[in-house]
Amino acid sequence: MIFETKKVLVCDDQHMLRELLQGAILTHSPYCKVTQASNGKIAEDLLRQEKFDIVFMDVEMPVQDGFTTLKNIREGNLAEGTPVVMCTGCSDESDLVRGWQLRADYYLTKPFDLDEISDVLADLMPMRSVA
């Protein structure tokens, strides 16, 4: 059985967290291609060049934060129909509300565990056989 390759964009300013998230994604879905971005501007550039099946976006980043990037994604149709998962180390309710207002699909609070990431992937990006 051959599985369709899914493309995931992971955007976080901390290299270690990008690597951890990539590892968790590949543990759940080994057929994924994971691309990393260190800030929202880079993520936007990548989204203009390539279609992704899901985006994991950190909230607090230098250059351009995740909320601004999510707003630009939704208003500019950079990733029409692509689920965006906001990731934050802050559990402030106002951040959560802002993310929902900007049409985030999921919210993960750091530190996240493998089960949470697996649940999000299973819900937003089911693996399908192409043969």
N, C-alpha and C. Protein backbone atom coordinates (compact mmCIF):
# COMPACT_ATOMS: atom_id res chain seq x y z
N MET A 1 0.84 -1.17 0.00
CA MET A 1 0.00 0.00 0.00
C MET A 1 0.89 1.24 0.00
N ILE A 2 0.63 2.18 -0.87
CA ILE A 2 1.39 3.42 -0.96
C ILE A 2 0.52 4.54 -0.41
N PHE A 3 1.10 5.35 0.48
CA PHE A 3 0.36 6.45 1.07
C PHE A 3 0.71 7.76 0.38
N GLU A 4 -0.28 8.60 0.28
CA GLU A 4 -0.10 9.93 -0.27
C GLU A 4 0.83 10.73 0.64
N THR A 5 1.83 11.39 0.06
CA THR A 5 2.74 12.22 0.84
C THR A 5 2.05 13.51 1.23
N LYS A 6 2.09 13.82 2.51
CA LYS A 6 1.50 15.06 3.02
C LYS A 6 2.62 16.05 3.30
N LYS A 7 2.33 17.33 3.06
CA LYS A 7 3.33 18.37 3.29
C LYS A 7 2.92 19.22 4.49
N VAL A 8 3.86 19.36 5.43
CA VAL A 8 3.61 20.08 6.67
C VAL A 8 4.62 21.21 6.79
N LEU A 9 4.13 22.40 7.17
CA LEU A 9 5.00 23.54 7.44
C LEU A 9 5.02 23.76 8.95
N VAL A 10 6.22 23.79 9.52
CA VAL A 10 6.41 24.05 10.95
C VAL A 10 7.13 25.38 11.08
N CYS A 11 6.48 26.34 11.75
CA CYS A 11 7.05 27.68 11.90
C CYS A 11 7.22 28.00 13.38
N ASP A 12 8.47 28.13 13.81
CA ASP A 12 8.80 28.47 15.20
C ASP A 12 10.19 29.08 15.19
N ASP A 13 10.42 30.08 16.02
CA ASP A 13 11.73 30.72 16.04
C ASP A 13 12.78 29.88 16.77
N GLN A 14 12.36 28.90 17.54
CA GLN A 14 13.31 28.06 18.28
C GLN A 14 13.59 26.77 17.50
N HIS A 15 14.84 26.64 17.07
CA HIS A 15 15.25 25.49 16.27
C HIS A 15 14.91 24.17 16.95
N MET A 16 15.18 24.08 18.25
CA MET A 16 14.94 22.83 18.97
C MET A 16 13.46 22.44 18.93
N LEU A 17 12.57 23.41 19.07
CA LEU A 17 11.14 23.12 19.03
C LEU A 17 10.69 22.71 17.63
N ARG A 18 11.27 23.33 16.60
CA ARG A 18 10.96 22.90 15.23
C ARG A 18 11.36 21.45 15.02
N GLU A 19 12.55 21.09 15.51
CA GLU A 19 13.04 19.72 15.36
C GLU A 19 12.17 18.73 16.15
N LEU A 20 11.79 19.10 17.38
CA LEU A 20 10.94 18.23 18.19
C LEU A 20 9.58 18.01 17.53
N LEU A 21 9.01 19.09 17.02
CA LEU A 21 7.72 18.99 16.36
C LEU A 21 7.83 18.16 15.08
N GLN A 22 8.89 18.38 14.32
CA GLN A 22 9.10 17.58 13.11
C GLN A 22 9.22 16.10 13.47
N GLY A 23 9.98 15.78 14.51
CA GLY A 23 10.12 14.39 14.93
C GLY A 23 8.79 13.77 15.33
N ALA A 24 7.97 14.53 16.05
CA ALA A 24 6.65 14.04 16.47
C ALA A 24 5.75 13.80 15.26
N ILE A 25 5.81 14.71 14.30
CA ILE A 25 5.00 14.57 13.08
C ILE A 25 5.42 13.32 12.31
N LEU A 26 6.72 13.14 12.15
CA LEU A 26 7.21 11.99 11.38
C LEU A 26 7.00 10.67 12.12
N THR A 27 6.95 10.71 13.45
CA THR A 27 6.62 9.50 14.21
C THR A 27 5.19 9.09 13.93
N HIS A 28 4.29 10.07 13.89
CA HIS A 28 2.87 9.78 13.62
C HIS A 28 2.64 9.47 12.15
N SER A 29 3.26 10.24 11.28
CA SER A 29 3.01 10.16 9.84
C SER A 29 4.34 10.13 9.09
N PRO A 30 4.97 8.96 8.99
CA PRO A 30 6.29 8.89 8.37
C PRO A 30 6.32 9.26 6.90
N TYR A 31 5.17 9.38 6.26
CA TYR A 31 5.13 9.72 4.84
C TYR A 31 5.05 11.23 4.60
N CYS A 32 5.18 12.00 5.67
CA CYS A 32 5.10 13.46 5.54
C CYS A 32 6.43 14.04 5.07
N LYS A 33 6.31 15.17 4.39
CA LYS A 33 7.48 16.00 4.08
C LYS A 33 7.32 17.24 4.95
N VAL A 34 8.27 17.49 5.85
CA VAL A 34 8.19 18.61 6.78
C VAL A 34 9.16 19.70 6.34
N THR A 35 8.65 20.92 6.21
CA THR A 35 9.45 22.09 5.89
C THR A 35 9.43 23.00 7.11
N GLN A 36 10.57 23.61 7.43
CA GLN A 36 10.66 24.46 8.60
C GLN A 36 10.87 25.92 8.22
N ALA A 37 10.28 26.81 9.04
CA ALA A 37 10.47 28.25 8.90
C ALA A 37 10.73 28.82 10.29
N SER A 38 11.62 29.82 10.39
CA SER A 38 11.98 30.37 11.69
C SER A 38 11.20 31.63 12.06
N ASN A 39 10.38 32.14 11.15
CA ASN A 39 9.52 33.28 11.48
C ASN A 39 8.37 33.36 10.48
N GLY A 40 7.42 34.23 10.80
CA GLY A 40 6.21 34.33 9.99
C GLY A 40 6.44 34.81 8.57
N LYS A 41 7.41 35.70 8.37
CA LYS A 41 7.70 36.19 7.02
C LYS A 41 8.19 35.05 6.12
N ILE A 42 9.07 34.22 6.67
CA ILE A 42 9.56 33.08 5.90
C ILE A 42 8.42 32.12 5.60
N ALA A 43 7.55 31.90 6.59
CA ALA A 43 6.39 31.02 6.39
C ALA A 43 5.51 31.54 5.26
N GLU A 44 5.25 32.85 5.24
CA GLU A 44 4.44 33.43 4.17
C GLU A 44 5.09 33.21 2.81
N ASP A 45 6.40 33.42 2.72
CA ASP A 45 7.11 33.20 1.46
C ASP A 45 6.96 31.76 1.00
N LEU A 46 7.11 30.82 1.93
CA LEU A 46 6.97 29.40 1.58
C LEU A 46 5.55 29.08 1.13
N LEU A 47 4.56 29.67 1.79
CA LEU A 47 3.16 29.43 1.43
C LEU A 47 2.82 30.00 0.05
N ARG A 48 3.53 31.03 -0.37
CA ARG A 48 3.32 31.58 -1.72
C ARG A 48 3.89 30.64 -2.79
N GLN A 49 4.91 29.86 -2.40
CA GLN A 49 5.61 29.00 -3.36
C GLN A 49 5.05 27.58 -3.42
N GLU A 50 4.44 27.14 -2.33
CA GLU A 50 4.11 25.72 -2.21
C GLU A 50 2.81 25.53 -1.44
N LYS A 51 2.07 24.48 -1.77
CA LYS A 51 0.84 24.13 -1.06
C LYS A 51 1.18 23.15 0.06
N PHE A 52 0.73 23.46 1.28
CA PHE A 52 0.93 22.58 2.42
C PHE A 52 -0.41 22.03 2.87
N ASP A 53 -0.38 20.84 3.48
CA ASP A 53 -1.60 20.21 3.98
C ASP A 53 -1.96 20.67 5.38
N ILE A 54 -0.98 21.16 6.13
CA ILE A 54 -1.21 21.66 7.48
C ILE A 54 -0.04 22.57 7.86
N VAL A 55 -0.33 23.58 8.69
CA VAL A 55 0.69 24.51 9.17
C VAL A 55 0.65 24.54 10.69
N PHE A 56 1.81 24.35 11.31
CA PHE A 56 1.97 24.55 12.76
C PHE A 56 2.68 25.88 12.94
N MET A 57 2.05 26.83 13.67
CA MET A 57 2.54 28.20 13.75
C MET A 57 2.73 28.62 15.21
N ASP A 58 3.96 28.98 15.57
CA ASP A 58 4.23 29.54 16.89
C ASP A 58 3.58 30.92 16.97
N VAL A 59 3.15 31.30 18.16
CA VAL A 59 2.52 32.61 18.35
C VAL A 59 3.56 33.71 18.48
N GLU A 60 4.54 33.52 19.37
CA GLU A 60 5.53 34.57 19.65
C GLU A 60 6.83 34.29 18.92
N MET A 61 7.11 35.15 17.92
CA MET A 61 8.34 35.03 17.13
C MET A 61 8.84 36.42 16.77
N PRO A 62 10.16 36.56 16.60
CA PRO A 62 10.68 37.84 16.10
C PRO A 62 10.34 38.00 14.62
N VAL A 63 10.58 39.15 14.09
CA VAL A 63 10.33 39.53 12.70
C VAL A 63 8.83 39.65 12.45
N GLN A 64 8.09 38.56 12.62
CA GLN A 64 6.63 38.60 12.46
C GLN A 64 6.01 37.49 13.30
N ASP A 65 5.10 37.87 14.18
CA ASP A 65 4.49 36.89 15.08
C ASP A 65 3.46 36.02 14.36
N GLY A 66 3.04 34.98 15.05
CA GLY A 66 2.11 34.02 14.47
C GLY A 66 0.73 34.58 14.20
N PHE A 67 0.26 35.50 15.05
CA PHE A 67 -1.06 36.09 14.82
C PHE A 67 -1.08 36.91 13.54
N THR A 68 -0.05 37.73 13.34
CA THR A 68 0.05 38.53 12.12
C THR A 68 0.13 37.62 10.90
N THR A 69 0.91 36.57 11.02
CA THR A 69 1.04 35.62 9.91
C THR A 69 -0.27 34.93 9.62
N LEU A 70 -0.98 34.48 10.66
CA LEU A 70 -2.28 33.83 10.47
C LEU A 70 -3.26 34.80 9.81
N LYS A 71 -3.27 36.04 10.26
CA LYS A 71 -4.15 37.06 9.66
C LYS A 71 -3.83 37.22 8.18
N ASN A 72 -2.55 37.31 7.84
CA ASN A 72 -2.14 37.46 6.44
C ASN A 72 -2.49 36.23 5.62
N ILE A 73 -2.36 35.05 6.22
CA ILE A 73 -2.70 33.81 5.52
C ILE A 73 -4.18 33.80 5.18
N ARG A 74 -5.02 34.12 6.15
CA ARG A 74 -6.47 34.05 5.95
C ARG A 74 -6.97 35.18 5.04
N GLU A 75 -6.45 36.39 5.22
CA GLU A 75 -6.92 37.52 4.40
C GLU A 75 -6.36 37.48 2.99
N GLY A 76 -5.14 36.96 2.83
CA GLY A 76 -4.50 36.95 1.52
C GLY A 76 -4.67 35.66 0.77
N ASN A 77 -5.46 34.74 1.32
CA ASN A 77 -5.67 33.43 0.69
C ASN A 77 -4.35 32.74 0.35
N LEU A 78 -3.36 32.87 1.25
CA LEU A 78 -2.07 32.23 1.01
C LEU A 78 -2.15 30.72 1.13
N ALA A 79 -3.08 30.25 1.94
CA ALA A 79 -3.19 28.81 2.16
C ALA A 79 -4.66 28.46 2.31
N GLU A 80 -5.42 28.76 1.27
CA GLU A 80 -6.86 28.57 1.32
C GLU A 80 -7.21 27.12 1.64
N GLY A 81 -7.99 26.95 2.69
CA GLY A 81 -8.43 25.62 3.10
C GLY A 81 -7.40 24.83 3.90
N THR A 82 -6.22 25.40 4.10
CA THR A 82 -5.18 24.70 4.85
C THR A 82 -5.37 24.93 6.35
N PRO A 83 -5.44 23.86 7.14
CA PRO A 83 -5.57 24.03 8.59
C PRO A 83 -4.31 24.65 9.19
N VAL A 84 -4.51 25.57 10.13
CA VAL A 84 -3.40 26.20 10.84
C VAL A 84 -3.56 25.89 12.33
N VAL A 85 -2.50 25.32 12.90
CA VAL A 85 -2.47 24.98 14.32
C VAL A 85 -1.56 25.99 15.00
N MET A 86 -2.11 26.78 15.90
CA MET A 86 -1.33 27.76 16.65
C MET A 86 -0.69 27.05 17.84
N CYS A 87 0.60 27.35 18.07
CA CYS A 87 1.36 26.74 19.16
C CYS A 87 1.89 27.86 20.05
N THR A 88 1.65 27.74 21.36
CA THR A 88 2.06 28.81 22.26
C THR A 88 2.51 28.27 23.60
N GLY A 89 3.42 28.99 24.22
CA GLY A 89 3.84 28.67 25.57
C GLY A 89 3.01 29.40 26.59
N CYS A 90 2.10 30.23 26.13
CA CYS A 90 1.25 31.05 27.00
C CYS A 90 -0.16 30.48 27.00
N SER A 91 -0.74 30.39 28.17
CA SER A 91 -2.12 29.88 28.24
C SER A 91 -3.11 31.00 28.50
N ASP A 92 -2.75 32.22 28.12
CA ASP A 92 -3.60 33.39 28.31
C ASP A 92 -4.86 33.26 27.45
N GLU A 93 -6.00 33.41 28.06
CA GLU A 93 -7.27 33.24 27.35
C GLU A 93 -7.45 34.25 26.22
N SER A 94 -6.90 35.45 26.38
CA SER A 94 -7.05 36.45 25.31
C SER A 94 -6.31 36.02 24.05
N ASP A 95 -5.17 35.33 24.21
CA ASP A 95 -4.46 34.80 23.04
C ASP A 95 -5.29 33.73 22.35
N LEU A 96 -5.92 32.89 23.13
CA LEU A 96 -6.77 31.84 22.58
C LEU A 96 -7.92 32.44 21.79
N VAL A 97 -8.57 33.44 22.36
CA VAL A 97 -9.69 34.10 21.69
C VAL A 97 -9.22 34.75 20.39
N ARG A 98 -8.07 35.42 20.45
CA ARG A 98 -7.54 36.08 19.25
C ARG A 98 -7.27 35.05 18.14
N GLY A 99 -6.70 33.91 18.52
CA GLY A 99 -6.44 32.86 17.54
C GLY A 99 -7.71 32.36 16.88
N TRP A 100 -8.76 32.16 17.67
CA TRP A 100 -10.04 31.70 17.11
C TRP A 100 -10.64 32.77 16.20
N GLN A 101 -10.53 34.04 16.62
CA GLN A 101 -11.06 35.13 15.79
C GLN A 101 -10.36 35.19 14.43
N LEU A 102 -9.10 34.82 14.41
CA LEU A 102 -8.34 34.82 13.16
C LEU A 102 -8.49 33.50 12.39
N ARG A 103 -9.35 32.63 12.89
CA ARG A 103 -9.70 31.36 12.25
C ARG A 103 -8.60 30.30 12.32
N ALA A 104 -7.95 30.23 13.48
CA ALA A 104 -7.04 29.10 13.73
C ALA A 104 -7.89 27.84 13.83
N ASP A 105 -7.35 26.73 13.40
CA ASP A 105 -8.09 25.47 13.43
C ASP A 105 -7.90 24.71 14.74
N TYR A 106 -6.73 24.86 15.33
CA TYR A 106 -6.40 24.21 16.60
C TYR A 106 -5.46 25.11 17.38
N TYR A 107 -5.38 24.85 18.66
CA TYR A 107 -4.47 25.56 19.54
C TYR A 107 -3.75 24.54 20.39
N LEU A 108 -2.43 24.51 20.36
CA LEU A 108 -1.64 23.63 21.22
C LEU A 108 -0.83 24.49 22.18
N THR A 109 -0.84 24.12 23.46
CA THR A 109 -0.05 24.83 24.46
C THR A 109 1.23 24.05 24.72
N LYS A 110 2.36 24.76 24.65
CA LYS A 110 3.66 24.15 24.91
C LYS A 110 3.82 23.96 26.42
N PRO A 111 4.50 22.94 26.89
CA PRO A 111 5.04 21.86 26.07
C PRO A 111 3.94 20.89 25.67
N PHE A 112 3.94 20.51 24.40
CA PHE A 112 2.93 19.55 23.95
C PHE A 112 3.54 18.16 23.94
N ASP A 113 2.66 17.17 23.99
CA ASP A 113 3.16 15.80 23.98
C ASP A 113 2.77 15.12 22.66
N LEU A 114 3.36 13.98 22.43
CA LEU A 114 3.17 13.25 21.18
C LEU A 114 1.71 12.91 20.94
N ASP A 115 0.98 12.56 22.00
CA ASP A 115 -0.44 12.22 21.83
C ASP A 115 -1.25 13.40 21.31
N GLU A 116 -0.97 14.60 21.82
CA GLU A 116 -1.69 15.79 21.34
C GLU A 116 -1.43 16.02 19.86
N ILE A 117 -0.17 15.94 19.48
CA ILE A 117 0.19 16.16 18.08
C ILE A 117 -0.42 15.08 17.20
N SER A 118 -0.39 13.84 17.65
CA SER A 118 -0.99 12.74 16.89
C SER A 118 -2.49 12.95 16.71
N ASP A 119 -3.17 13.42 17.77
CA ASP A 119 -4.60 13.68 17.68
C ASP A 119 -4.91 14.76 16.65
N VAL A 120 -4.12 15.83 16.67
CA VAL A 120 -4.32 16.92 15.71
C VAL A 120 -4.09 16.42 14.29
N LEU A 121 -3.02 15.68 14.08
CA LEU A 121 -2.72 15.17 12.74
C LEU A 121 -3.80 14.21 12.26
N ALA A 122 -4.26 13.34 13.14
CA ALA A 122 -5.30 12.38 12.75
C ALA A 122 -6.59 13.09 12.38
N ASP A 123 -6.88 14.17 13.08
CA ASP A 123 -8.11 14.92 12.83
C ASP A 123 -8.02 15.77 11.56
N LEU A 124 -6.90 16.46 11.39
CA LEU A 124 -6.78 17.43 10.30
C LEU A 124 -6.13 16.88 9.04
N MET A 125 -5.44 15.77 9.15
CA MET A 125 -4.68 15.29 8.01
C MET A 125 -4.69 13.77 7.95
N PRO A 126 -5.85 13.17 7.72
CA PRO A 126 -5.90 11.70 7.67
C PRO A 126 -5.07 11.16 6.51
N MET A 127 -4.37 10.06 6.77
CA MET A 127 -3.56 9.43 5.72
C MET A 127 -4.49 8.66 4.78
N ARG A 128 -4.26 8.81 3.49
CA ARG A 128 -5.06 8.09 2.49
C ARG A 128 -4.14 7.28 1.60
N SER A 129 -4.60 6.14 1.23
CA SER A 129 -3.87 5.30 0.30
C SER A 129 -4.12 5.82 -1.12
N VAL A 130 -3.08 5.83 -1.94
CA VAL A 130 -3.24 6.26 -3.33
C VAL A 130 -3.20 5.07 -4.28
N ALA A 131 -3.07 3.89 -3.74
CA ALA A 131 -3.06 2.69 -4.60
C ALA A 131 -3.95 1.63 -4.01
